[in-house]
């Protein structure tokens, strides 16, 4: 089967010509058609060609969302947690006077879901999707007396002058699918690096990376107090807050090596030049906690 969504008329003409000129034998066409029809017969499509609309009521039900939320918290990987094991930043305290949430991906369901969501290359924003952004999840989780301030790309003066107890910075890649995701640099798009520098250079911060793959983060690790790979958490941003605030512990491990620079690529575990920022299988852990007060 060929997937040709736009130039299908030209494709049919070209394929027909190639068969007529015997560049492609009819046996090859028959083989492809036979395998496609076999799958359709096995699925019962010829007996029941239409979708069962009675199943629509199961789309997005709470049971499925709960499972997705569990998958989010179990797949997140904690890459850094404070200056040392004796001085961790996470889990974050829920009851503090005021916190800052910043970054392009903090309040964007489209970015959380990535490509192949609504459209081929995904979408940006919250209008077409139902779910919980990471910003909303933070607001849902902290103490009612804690003030949550959101500013996508704050300057240093704003960060320093507002008396924030700590900051959560959420940045990452824009949605993509297939070849549109090809990238020779694998850098975090603007204004992600600027936001990390402005915020983490001024106050304690945890940086959450929303991406479908490792990206360049090594230049900023020294500024960051805690670093989390959230991958693409989809609609259930509440799963991110579940582990940030200690309702559940971090347990995830890296499914692939996290490089220092793209010049190292390709680089895999066992290679002679293996010198990663974070090795394959790496992931710090935390334990659930009921900690509710901020202590500096």
C-alpha atoms as a PDB file:
ATOM      1  CA  UNK A   1       0.000   0.000   0.000  1.00  0.00           C
ATOM      2  CA  UNK A   2       1.252   3.473  -0.872  1.00  0.00           C
ATOM      3  CA  UNK A   3       0.331   6.555   1.130  1.00  0.00           C
ATOM      4  CA  UNK A   4       0.072   9.353  -1.423  1.00  0.00           C
ATOM      5  CA  UNK A   5      -2.393  11.915  -0.035  1.00  0.00           C
ATOM      6  CA  UNK A   6      -1.965  14.657  -2.650  1.00  0.00           C
ATOM      7  CA  UNK A   7      -0.466  13.522  -5.967  1.00  0.00           C
ATOM      8  CA  UNK A   8      -2.449  10.299  -6.136  1.00  0.00           C
ATOM      9  CA  UNK A   9      -3.687  10.870  -9.722  1.00  0.00           C
ATOM     10  CA  UNK A  10      -0.118  11.246 -10.970  1.00  0.00           C
ATOM     11  CA  UNK A  11       0.931   8.232  -8.900  1.00  0.00           C
ATOM     12  CA  UNK A  12      -1.783   6.017 -10.411  1.00  0.00           C
ATOM     13  CA  UNK A  13      -0.836   7.128 -13.931  1.00  0.00           C
ATOM     14  CA  UNK A  14       2.868   6.473 -13.326  1.00  0.00           C
ATOM     15  CA  UNK A  15       2.279   3.073 -11.718  1.00  0.00           C
ATOM     16  CA  UNK A  16      -0.036   2.027 -14.557  1.00  0.00           C
ATOM     17  CA  UNK A  17       2.593   3.038 -17.096  1.00  0.00           C
ATOM     18  CA  UNK A  18       5.309   1.072 -15.274  1.00  0.00           C
ATOM     19  CA  UNK A  19       3.119  -2.045 -15.211  1.00  0.00           C
ATOM     20  CA  UNK A  20       2.227  -1.736 -18.902  1.00  0.00           C
ATOM     21  CA  UNK A  21       5.909  -1.419 -19.802  1.00  0.00           C
ATOM     22  CA  UNK A  22       6.639  -4.449 -17.599  1.00  0.00           C
ATOM     23  CA  UNK A  23       9.007  -2.588 -15.281  1.00  0.00           C
ATOM     24  CA  UNK A  24       6.743  -3.783 -12.457  1.00  0.00           C
ATOM     25  CA  UNK A  25       5.254  -7.283 -12.902  1.00  0.00           C
ATOM     26  CA  UNK A  26       1.550  -7.850 -12.258  1.00  0.00           C
ATOM     27  CA  UNK A  27       2.563 -10.530  -9.769  1.00  0.00           C
ATOM     28  CA  UNK A  28       3.996  -7.773  -7.573  1.00  0.00           C
ATOM     29  CA  UNK A  29       0.712  -5.837  -7.741  1.00  0.00           C
ATOM     30  CA  UNK A  30      -1.286  -8.999  -7.000  1.00  0.00           C
ATOM     31  CA  UNK A  31       0.912  -9.779  -4.011  1.00  0.00           C
ATOM     32  CA  UNK A  32       0.393  -6.320  -2.506  1.00  0.00           C
ATOM     33  CA  UNK A  33      -3.366  -6.378  -3.093  1.00  0.00           C
ATOM     34  CA  UNK A  34      -3.665  -9.911  -1.711  1.00  0.00           C
ATOM     35  CA  UNK A  35      -1.972  -8.936   1.566  1.00  0.00           C
ATOM     36  CA  UNK A  36      -4.121  -5.821   1.976  1.00  0.00           C
ATOM     37  CA  UNK A  37      -7.344  -7.736   1.301  1.00  0.00           C
ATOM     38  CA  UNK A  38      -6.293 -10.495   3.708  1.00  0.00           C
ATOM     39  CA  UNK A  39      -5.952  -7.993   6.564  1.00  0.00           C
ATOM     40  CA  UNK A  40      -9.337  -6.461   5.736  1.00  0.00           C
ATOM     41  CA  UNK A  41     -10.993  -9.889   5.662  1.00  0.00           C
ATOM     42  CA  UNK A  42      -9.412 -10.812   9.004  1.00  0.00           C
ATOM     43  CA  UNK A  43     -10.713  -7.566  10.517  1.00  0.00           C
ATOM     44  CA  UNK A  44     -14.233  -8.235   9.217  1.00  0.00           C
ATOM     45  CA  UNK A  45     -14.321  -4.966   7.288  1.00  0.00           C
ATOM     46  CA  UNK A  46     -16.296  -6.442   4.381  1.00  0.00           C
ATOM     47  CA  UNK A  47     -18.996  -7.765   6.727  1.00  0.00           C
ATOM     48  CA  UNK A  48     -19.013  -4.624   8.899  1.00  0.00           C
ATOM     49  CA  UNK A  49     -17.558  -1.774   6.847  1.00  0.00           C
ATOM     50  CA  UNK A  50     -18.588   1.067   9.168  1.00  0.00           C
ATOM     51  CA  UNK A  51     -17.259   2.098  12.557  1.00  0.00           C
ATOM     52  CA  UNK A  52     -19.168   1.097  15.676  1.00  0.00           C
ATOM     53  CA  UNK A  53     -20.335   4.465  16.951  1.00  0.00           C
ATOM     54  CA  UNK A  54     -21.449   2.956  20.236  1.00  0.00           C
ATOM     55  CA  UNK A  55     -17.758   2.963  21.199  1.00  0.00           C
ATOM     56  CA  UNK A  56     -17.514   6.754  20.910  1.00  0.00           C
ATOM     57  CA  UNK A  57     -18.604   7.077  24.530  1.00  0.00           C
ATOM     58  CA  UNK A  58     -15.285   5.537  25.577  1.00  0.00           C
ATOM     59  CA  UNK A  59     -13.170   8.229  23.918  1.00  0.00           C
ATOM     60  CA  UNK A  60     -11.408  10.312  26.550  1.00  0.00           C
ATOM     61  CA  UNK A  61     -13.100   8.633  29.504  1.00  0.00           C
ATOM     62  CA  UNK A  62     -11.584   9.215  32.922  1.00  0.00           C
ATOM     63  CA  UNK A  63     -10.311   5.640  33.204  1.00  0.00           C
ATOM     64  CA  UNK A  64      -8.202   6.127  30.075  1.00  0.00           C
ATOM     65  CA  UNK A  65      -6.987   9.542  31.232  1.00  0.00           C
ATOM     66  CA  UNK A  66      -5.952   8.070  34.568  1.00  0.00           C
ATOM     67  CA  UNK A  67      -3.897   5.444  32.756  1.00  0.00           C
ATOM     68  CA  UNK A  68      -2.297   8.115  30.562  1.00  0.00           C
ATOM     69  CA  UNK A  69      -1.475  10.153  33.668  1.00  0.00           C
ATOM     70  CA  UNK A  70       0.190   7.109  35.223  1.00  0.00           C
ATOM     71  CA  UNK A  71       2.243   6.618  32.050  1.00  0.00           C
ATOM     72  CA  UNK A  72       3.408  10.245  32.244  1.00  0.00           C
ATOM     73  CA  UNK A  73       4.699  10.035  35.791  1.00  0.00           C
ATOM     74  CA  UNK A  74       6.374   6.653  35.231  1.00  0.00           C
ATOM     75  CA  UNK A  75       8.149   7.737  32.031  1.00  0.00           C
ATOM     76  CA  UNK A  76       9.547  11.056  33.256  1.00  0.00           C
ATOM     77  CA  UNK A  77      13.292  10.953  33.912  1.00  0.00           C
ATOM     78  CA  UNK A  78      14.989  12.990  36.627  1.00  0.00           C
ATOM     79  CA  UNK A  79      18.408  13.982  35.269  1.00  0.00           C
ATOM     80  CA  UNK A  80      19.593  16.361  37.991  1.00  0.00           C
ATOM     81  CA  UNK A  81      18.340  17.111  41.484  1.00  0.00           C
ATOM     82  CA  UNK A  82      20.198  19.807  43.375  1.00  0.00           C
ATOM     83  CA  UNK A  83      23.877  20.376  44.017  1.00  0.00           C
ATOM     84  CA  UNK A  84      24.225  16.929  45.566  1.00  0.00           C
ATOM     85  CA  UNK A  85      22.204  14.045  46.950  1.00  0.00           C
ATOM     86  CA  UNK A  86      22.296  15.814  50.316  1.00  0.00           C
ATOM     87  CA  UNK A  87      20.748  19.000  48.894  1.00  0.00           C
ATOM     88  CA  UNK A  88      17.944  17.968  46.509  1.00  0.00           C
ATOM     89  CA  UNK A  89      15.446  20.468  45.123  1.00  0.00           C
ATOM     90  CA  UNK A  90      12.770  17.887  44.337  1.00  0.00           C
ATOM     91  CA  UNK A  91      10.173  17.100  45.498  1.00  0.00           C
ATOM     92  CA  UNK A  92       9.037  20.707  45.460  1.00  0.00           C
ATOM     93  CA  UNK A  93       7.174  22.132  48.458  1.00  0.00           C
ATOM     94  CA  UNK A  94       3.498  22.824  47.841  1.00  0.00           C
ATOM     95  CA  UNK A  95       3.076  25.593  50.400  1.00  0.00           C
ATOM     96  CA  UNK A  96       5.218  28.651  49.707  1.00  0.00           C
ATOM     97  CA  UNK A  97       4.326  32.339  49.317  1.00  0.00           C
ATOM     98  CA  UNK A  98       4.828  32.646  45.546  1.00  0.00           C
ATOM     99  CA  UNK A  99       6.272  30.651  42.652  1.00  0.00           C
ATOM    100  CA  UNK A 100       7.075  31.412  39.029  1.00  0.00           C
ATOM    101  CA  UNK A 101       6.127  29.197  36.098  1.00  0.00           C
ATOM    102  CA  UNK A 102       7.824  30.175  32.835  1.00  0.00           C
ATOM    103  CA  UNK A 103       8.554  28.862  29.366  1.00  0.00           C
ATOM    104  CA  UNK A 104       6.867  28.339  26.006  1.00  0.00           C
ATOM    105  CA  UNK A 105       5.673  24.824  26.869  1.00  0.00           C
ATOM    106  CA  UNK A 106       4.153  25.480  30.294  1.00  0.00           C
ATOM    107  CA  UNK A 107       0.671  26.335  29.032  1.00  0.00           C
ATOM    108  CA  UNK A 108       0.412  24.651  25.626  1.00  0.00           C
ATOM    109  CA  UNK A 109      -1.404  21.339  25.152  1.00  0.00           C
ATOM    110  CA  UNK A 110      -0.420  21.217  21.490  1.00  0.00           C
ATOM    111  CA  UNK A 111       3.261  21.287  22.412  1.00  0.00           C
ATOM    112  CA  UNK A 112       2.710  18.617  25.078  1.00  0.00           C
ATOM    113  CA  UNK A 113       1.098  16.283  22.529  1.00  0.00           C
ATOM    114  CA  UNK A 114       3.574  16.722  19.661  1.00  0.00           C
ATOM    115  CA  UNK A 115       3.096  15.666  16.055  1.00  0.00           C
ATOM    116  CA  UNK A 116       0.233  13.566  14.666  1.00  0.00           C
ATOM    117  CA  UNK A 117      -2.174  15.378  16.990  1.00  0.00           C
ATOM    118  CA  UNK A 118      -5.206  17.004  15.314  1.00  0.00           C
ATOM    119  CA  UNK A 119      -2.967  17.624  12.290  1.00  0.00           C
ATOM    120  CA  UNK A 120       0.004  15.880  10.702  1.00  0.00           C
ATOM    121  CA  UNK A 121       2.540  18.306  12.185  1.00  0.00           C
ATOM    122  CA  UNK A 122       0.591  18.856  15.383  1.00  0.00           C
ATOM    123  CA  UNK A 123      -0.813  22.152  16.607  1.00  0.00           C
ATOM    124  CA  UNK A 124      -0.007  24.907  19.076  1.00  0.00           C
ATOM    125  CA  UNK A 125      -2.274  26.119  21.846  1.00  0.00           C
ATOM    126  CA  UNK A 126      -5.162  24.811  23.914  1.00  0.00           C
ATOM    127  CA  UNK A 127      -8.234  25.519  21.779  1.00  0.00           C
ATOM    128  CA  UNK A 128      -8.442  22.221  19.872  1.00  0.00           C
ATOM    129  CA  UNK A 129      -7.481  19.830  22.661  1.00  0.00           C
ATOM    130  CA  UNK A 130      -8.919  18.688  25.954  1.00  0.00           C
ATOM    131  CA  UNK A 131      -6.496  18.063  28.778  1.00  0.00           C
ATOM    132  CA  UNK A 132      -4.356  19.595  31.495  1.00  0.00           C
ATOM    133  CA  UNK A 133      -1.366  21.808  30.797  1.00  0.00           C
ATOM    134  CA  UNK A 134       1.631  21.661  33.109  1.00  0.00           C
ATOM    135  CA  UNK A 135       0.789  25.163  34.334  1.00  0.00           C
ATOM    136  CA  UNK A 136      -2.753  24.097  35.233  1.00  0.00           C
ATOM    137  CA  UNK A 137      -1.379  20.981  36.914  1.00  0.00           C
ATOM    138  CA  UNK A 138       0.899  23.081  39.110  1.00  0.00           C
ATOM    139  CA  UNK A 139      -2.014  25.327  40.088  1.00  0.00           C
ATOM    140  CA  UNK A 140      -4.113  22.247  40.879  1.00  0.00           C
ATOM    141  CA  UNK A 141      -1.399  20.796  43.112  1.00  0.00           C
ATOM    142  CA  UNK A 142       0.053  23.587  45.229  1.00  0.00           C
ATOM    143  CA  UNK A 143      -1.502  24.862  48.425  1.00  0.00           C
ATOM    144  CA  UNK A 144      -4.456  27.239  47.895  1.00  0.00           C
ATOM    145  CA  UNK A 145      -2.493  29.988  49.636  1.00  0.00           C
ATOM    146  CA  UNK A 146       0.439  29.685  47.214  1.00  0.00           C
ATOM    147  CA  UNK A 147       0.438  32.311  44.462  1.00  0.00           C
ATOM    148  CA  UNK A 148       1.369  30.956  41.018  1.00  0.00           C
ATOM    149  CA  UNK A 149       2.638  33.559  38.543  1.00  0.00           C
ATOM    150  CA  UNK A 150       3.006  32.632  34.870  1.00  0.00           C
ATOM    151  CA  UNK A 151       5.199  34.616  32.487  1.00  0.00           C
ATOM    152  CA  UNK A 152       6.374  32.909  29.319  1.00  0.00           C
ATOM    153  CA  UNK A 153       9.736  34.635  28.905  1.00  0.00           C
ATOM    154  CA  UNK A 154      10.491  36.863  31.909  1.00  0.00           C
ATOM    155  CA  UNK A 155      13.529  39.101  32.058  1.00  0.00           C
ATOM    156  CA  UNK A 156      16.058  38.906  34.876  1.00  0.00           C
ATOM    157  CA  UNK A 157      14.740  41.984  36.664  1.00  0.00           C
ATOM    158  CA  UNK A 158      11.225  40.529  36.818  1.00  0.00           C
ATOM    159  CA  UNK A 159      12.530  37.261  38.246  1.00  0.00           C
ATOM    160  CA  UNK A 160      14.710  38.902  40.887  1.00  0.00           C
ATOM    161  CA  UNK A 161      12.238  41.548  42.030  1.00  0.00           C
ATOM    162  CA  UNK A 162       9.135  39.463  42.739  1.00  0.00           C
ATOM    163  CA  UNK A 163      10.186  37.375  45.718  1.00  0.00           C
ATOM    164  CA  UNK A 164       9.601  33.965  44.147  1.00  0.00           C
ATOM    165  CA  UNK A 165      10.398  30.951  46.330  1.00  0.00           C
ATOM    166  CA  UNK A 166      11.386  28.898  43.277  1.00  0.00           C
ATOM    167  CA  UNK A 167      10.633  28.612  39.558  1.00  0.00           C
ATOM    168  CA  UNK A 168       9.449  25.928  37.155  1.00  0.00           C
ATOM    169  CA  UNK A 169      10.674  26.438  33.581  1.00  0.00           C
ATOM    170  CA  UNK A 170       9.027  24.359  30.842  1.00  0.00           C
ATOM    171  CA  UNK A 171      10.676  24.508  27.412  1.00  0.00           C
ATOM    172  CA  UNK A 172      11.279  22.140  24.517  1.00  0.00           C
ATOM    173  CA  UNK A 173      10.721  21.358  20.868  1.00  0.00           C
ATOM    174  CA  UNK A 174       7.843  22.413  18.666  1.00  0.00           C
ATOM    175  CA  UNK A 175       5.636  19.589  17.334  1.00  0.00           C
ATOM    176  CA  UNK A 176       6.824  17.695  14.272  1.00  0.00           C
ATOM    177  CA  UNK A 177       6.265  14.451  12.395  1.00  0.00           C
ATOM    178  CA  UNK A 178       8.397  12.448   9.983  1.00  0.00           C
ATOM    179  CA  UNK A 179      10.989  14.367   7.931  1.00  0.00           C
ATOM    180  CA  UNK A 180       9.816  17.727   9.242  1.00  0.00           C
ATOM    181  CA  UNK A 181      11.502  16.759  12.495  1.00  0.00           C
ATOM    182  CA  UNK A 182      14.915  16.317  10.861  1.00  0.00           C
ATOM    183  CA  UNK A 183      17.304  18.645  12.643  1.00  0.00           C
ATOM    184  CA  UNK A 184      21.080  18.868  12.425  1.00  0.00           C
ATOM    185  CA  UNK A 185      21.360  21.029  15.556  1.00  0.00           C
ATOM    186  CA  UNK A 186      18.828  19.561  18.034  1.00  0.00           C
ATOM    187  CA  UNK A 187      18.781  22.824  19.965  1.00  0.00           C
ATOM    188  CA  UNK A 188      15.896  24.131  22.047  1.00  0.00           C
ATOM    189  CA  UNK A 189      14.035  26.740  19.959  1.00  0.00           C
ATOM    190  CA  UNK A 190      14.002  30.406  20.941  1.00  0.00           C
ATOM    191  CA  UNK A 191      13.220  31.704  23.511  1.00  0.00           C
ATOM    192  CA  UNK A 192      13.911  28.544  25.495  1.00  0.00           C
ATOM    193  CA  UNK A 193      17.620  29.034  26.234  1.00  0.00           C
ATOM    194  CA  UNK A 194      17.022  32.692  27.112  1.00  0.00           C
ATOM    195  CA  UNK A 195      14.270  31.745  29.552  1.00  0.00           C
ATOM    196  CA  UNK A 196      16.504  29.164  31.231  1.00  0.00           C
ATOM    197  CA  UNK A 197      19.312  31.705  31.647  1.00  0.00           C
ATOM    198  CA  UNK A 198      17.080  34.523  32.894  1.00  0.00           C
ATOM    199  CA  UNK A 199      15.230  32.403  35.427  1.00  0.00           C
ATOM    200  CA  UNK A 200      17.754  29.830  36.588  1.00  0.00           C
ATOM    201  CA  UNK A 201      20.516  32.408  36.804  1.00  0.00           C
ATOM    202  CA  UNK A 202      18.442  34.344  39.328  1.00  0.00           C
ATOM    203  CA  UNK A 203      16.564  31.873  41.578  1.00  0.00           C
ATOM    204  CA  UNK A 204      16.251  28.169  42.339  1.00  0.00           C
ATOM    205  CA  UNK A 205      14.652  26.434  39.386  1.00  0.00           C
ATOM    206  CA  UNK A 206      13.604  23.118  37.926  1.00  0.00           C
ATOM    207  CA  UNK A 207      13.694  22.865  34.132  1.00  0.00           C
ATOM    208  CA  UNK A 208      11.298  20.490  32.385  1.00  0.00           C
ATOM    209  CA  UNK A 209      12.200  19.506  28.821  1.00  0.00           C
ATOM    210  CA  UNK A 210       9.221  18.648  26.593  1.00  0.00           C
ATOM    211  CA  UNK A 211      10.585  16.832  23.543  1.00  0.00           C
ATOM    212  CA  UNK A 212      10.453  13.591  21.630  1.00  0.00           C
ATOM    213  CA  UNK A 213      14.213  13.057  21.886  1.00  0.00           C
ATOM    214  CA  UNK A 214      17.335  14.329  23.661  1.00  0.00           C
ATOM    215  CA  UNK A 215      18.195  17.930  22.837  1.00  0.00           C
ATOM    216  CA  UNK A 216      21.175  20.178  23.529  1.00  0.00           C
ATOM    217  CA  UNK A 217      21.033  21.071  27.225  1.00  0.00           C
ATOM    218  CA  UNK A 218      24.679  20.745  28.330  1.00  0.00           C
ATOM    219  CA  UNK A 219      25.468  24.509  28.132  1.00  0.00           C
ATOM    220  CA  UNK A 220      22.785  25.252  30.741  1.00  0.00           C
ATOM    221  CA  UNK A 221      23.121  22.351  33.184  1.00  0.00           C
ATOM    222  CA  UNK A 222      25.357  24.376  35.500  1.00  0.00           C
ATOM    223  CA  UNK A 223      22.627  27.000  35.926  1.00  0.00           C
ATOM    224  CA  UNK A 224      19.850  24.480  36.515  1.00  0.00           C
ATOM    225  CA  UNK A 225      19.109  23.157  40.001  1.00  0.00           C
ATOM    226  CA  UNK A 226      16.881  20.275  38.860  1.00  0.00           C
ATOM    227  CA  UNK A 227      16.392  18.897  35.350  1.00  0.00           C
ATOM    228  CA  UNK A 228      13.575  16.658  34.117  1.00  0.00           C
ATOM    229  CA  UNK A 229      12.973  14.963  30.757  1.00  0.00           C
ATOM    230  CA  UNK A 230       9.187  14.852  30.399  1.00  0.00           C
ATOM    231  CA  UNK A 231       9.209  13.673  26.751  1.00  0.00           C
ATOM    232  CA  UNK A 232       5.705  14.322  25.318  1.00  0.00           C
ATOM    233  CA  UNK A 233       3.263  14.064  28.237  1.00  0.00           C
ATOM    234  CA  UNK A 234       0.226  14.521  26.000  1.00  0.00           C
ATOM    235  CA  UNK A 235      -3.061  15.604  27.493  1.00  0.00           C
ATOM    236  CA  UNK A 236      -2.263  14.597  31.069  1.00  0.00           C
ATOM    237  CA  UNK A 237       0.042  17.299  32.393  1.00  0.00           C
ATOM    238  CA  UNK A 238      -1.150  16.459  35.891  1.00  0.00           C
ATOM    239  CA  UNK A 239       1.178  13.466  35.777  1.00  0.00           C
ATOM    240  CA  UNK A 240       4.105  15.900  35.644  1.00  0.00           C
ATOM    241  CA  UNK A 241       2.983  17.652  38.820  1.00  0.00           C
ATOM    242  CA  UNK A 242       2.402  14.281  40.513  1.00  0.00           C
ATOM    243  CA  UNK A 243       6.144  13.622  40.626  1.00  0.00           C
ATOM    244  CA  UNK A 244       7.395  17.215  40.852  1.00  0.00           C
ATOM    245  CA  UNK A 245       5.551  17.645  44.129  1.00  0.00           C
ATOM    246  CA  UNK A 246       6.186  14.209  45.579  1.00  0.00           C
ATOM    247  CA  UNK A 247       2.766  12.594  45.402  1.00  0.00           C
ATOM    248  CA  UNK A 248       4.683   9.912  43.495  1.00  0.00           C
ATOM    249  CA  UNK A 249       8.408   9.327  43.181  1.00  0.00           C
ATOM    250  CA  UNK A 250      10.565   9.579  40.067  1.00  0.00           C
ATOM    251  CA  UNK A 251      11.315   6.103  38.683  1.00  0.00           C
ATOM    252  CA  UNK A 252      11.949   6.625  34.945  1.00  0.00           C
ATOM    253  CA  UNK A 253      15.208   5.749  33.183  1.00  0.00           C
ATOM    254  CA  UNK A 254      16.633   7.055  29.914  1.00  0.00           C
ATOM    255  CA  UNK A 255      15.677   4.795  26.982  1.00  0.00           C
ATOM    256  CA  UNK A 256      18.594   6.219  25.016  1.00  0.00           C
ATOM    257  CA  UNK A 257      21.839   8.104  25.555  1.00  0.00           C
ATOM    258  CA  UNK A 258      21.665  11.866  26.128  1.00  0.00           C
ATOM    259  CA  UNK A 259      24.560  13.457  24.248  1.00  0.00           C
ATOM    260  CA  UNK A 260      26.640  16.505  25.161  1.00  0.00           C
ATOM    261  CA  UNK A 261      26.909  17.929  21.636  1.00  0.00           C
ATOM    262  CA  UNK A 262      25.580  16.840  18.248  1.00  0.00           C
ATOM    263  CA  UNK A 263      29.195  16.449  17.099  1.00  0.00           C
ATOM    264  CA  UNK A 264      29.237  13.211  19.118  1.00  0.00           C
ATOM    265  CA  UNK A 265      26.417  11.678  17.083  1.00  0.00           C
ATOM    266  CA  UNK A 266      25.886   8.928  16.259  1.00  0.00           C
ATOM    267  CA  UNK A 267      26.840   7.651  19.706  1.00  0.00           C
ATOM    268  CA  UNK A 268      25.550   4.505  21.352  1.00  0.00           C
ATOM    269  CA  UNK A 269      26.289   2.619  24.533  1.00  0.00           C
ATOM    270  CA  UNK A 270      29.473   0.607  24.064  1.00  0.00           C
ATOM    271  CA  UNK A 271      30.994   2.849  21.389  1.00  0.00           C
ATOM    272  CA  UNK A 272      34.710   3.636  21.871  1.00  0.00           C
ATOM    273  CA  UNK A 273      33.917   7.365  21.943  1.00  0.00           C
ATOM    274  CA  UNK A 274      31.030   6.965  24.417  1.00  0.00           C
ATOM    275  CA  UNK A 275      31.102  10.117  26.561  1.00  0.00           C
ATOM    276  CA  UNK A 276      27.500  11.165  27.188  1.00  0.00           C
ATOM    277  CA  UNK A 277      26.004  13.922  29.258  1.00  0.00           C
ATOM    278  CA  UNK A 278      23.676  11.289  30.734  1.00  0.00           C
ATOM    279  CA  UNK A 279      24.231   7.605  29.869  1.00  0.00           C
ATOM    280  CA  UNK A 280      21.703   5.105  28.601  1.00  0.00           C
ATOM    281  CA  UNK A 281      19.592   3.837  31.510  1.00  0.00           C
ATOM    282  CA  UNK A 282      20.332   6.838  33.727  1.00  0.00           C
ATOM    283  CA  UNK A 283      17.660   8.281  35.979  1.00  0.00           C
ATOM    284  CA  UNK A 284      17.634   9.596  39.533  1.00  0.00           C
ATOM    285  CA  UNK A 285      14.879   8.532  41.887  1.00  0.00           C
ATOM    286  CA  UNK A 286      12.855  10.215  44.603  1.00  0.00           C
ATOM    287  CA  UNK A 287      10.427   8.900  47.171  1.00  0.00           C
ATOM    288  CA  UNK A 288       6.852  10.080  47.671  1.00  0.00           C
ATOM    289  CA  UNK A 289       6.577  12.713  50.364  1.00  0.00           C
ATOM    290  CA  UNK A 290       3.946  14.712  52.188  1.00  0.00           C
ATOM    291  CA  UNK A 291       6.301  17.678  52.566  1.00  0.00           C
ATOM    292  CA  UNK A 292       4.236  20.843  52.453  1.00  0.00           C
ATOM    293  CA  UNK A 293       6.437  23.719  53.550  1.00  0.00           C
ATOM    294  CA  UNK A 294       9.322  25.503  51.910  1.00  0.00           C
ATOM    295  CA  UNK A 295      12.637  25.536  53.690  1.00  0.00           C
ATOM    296  CA  UNK A 296      15.536  27.464  52.226  1.00  0.00           C
END
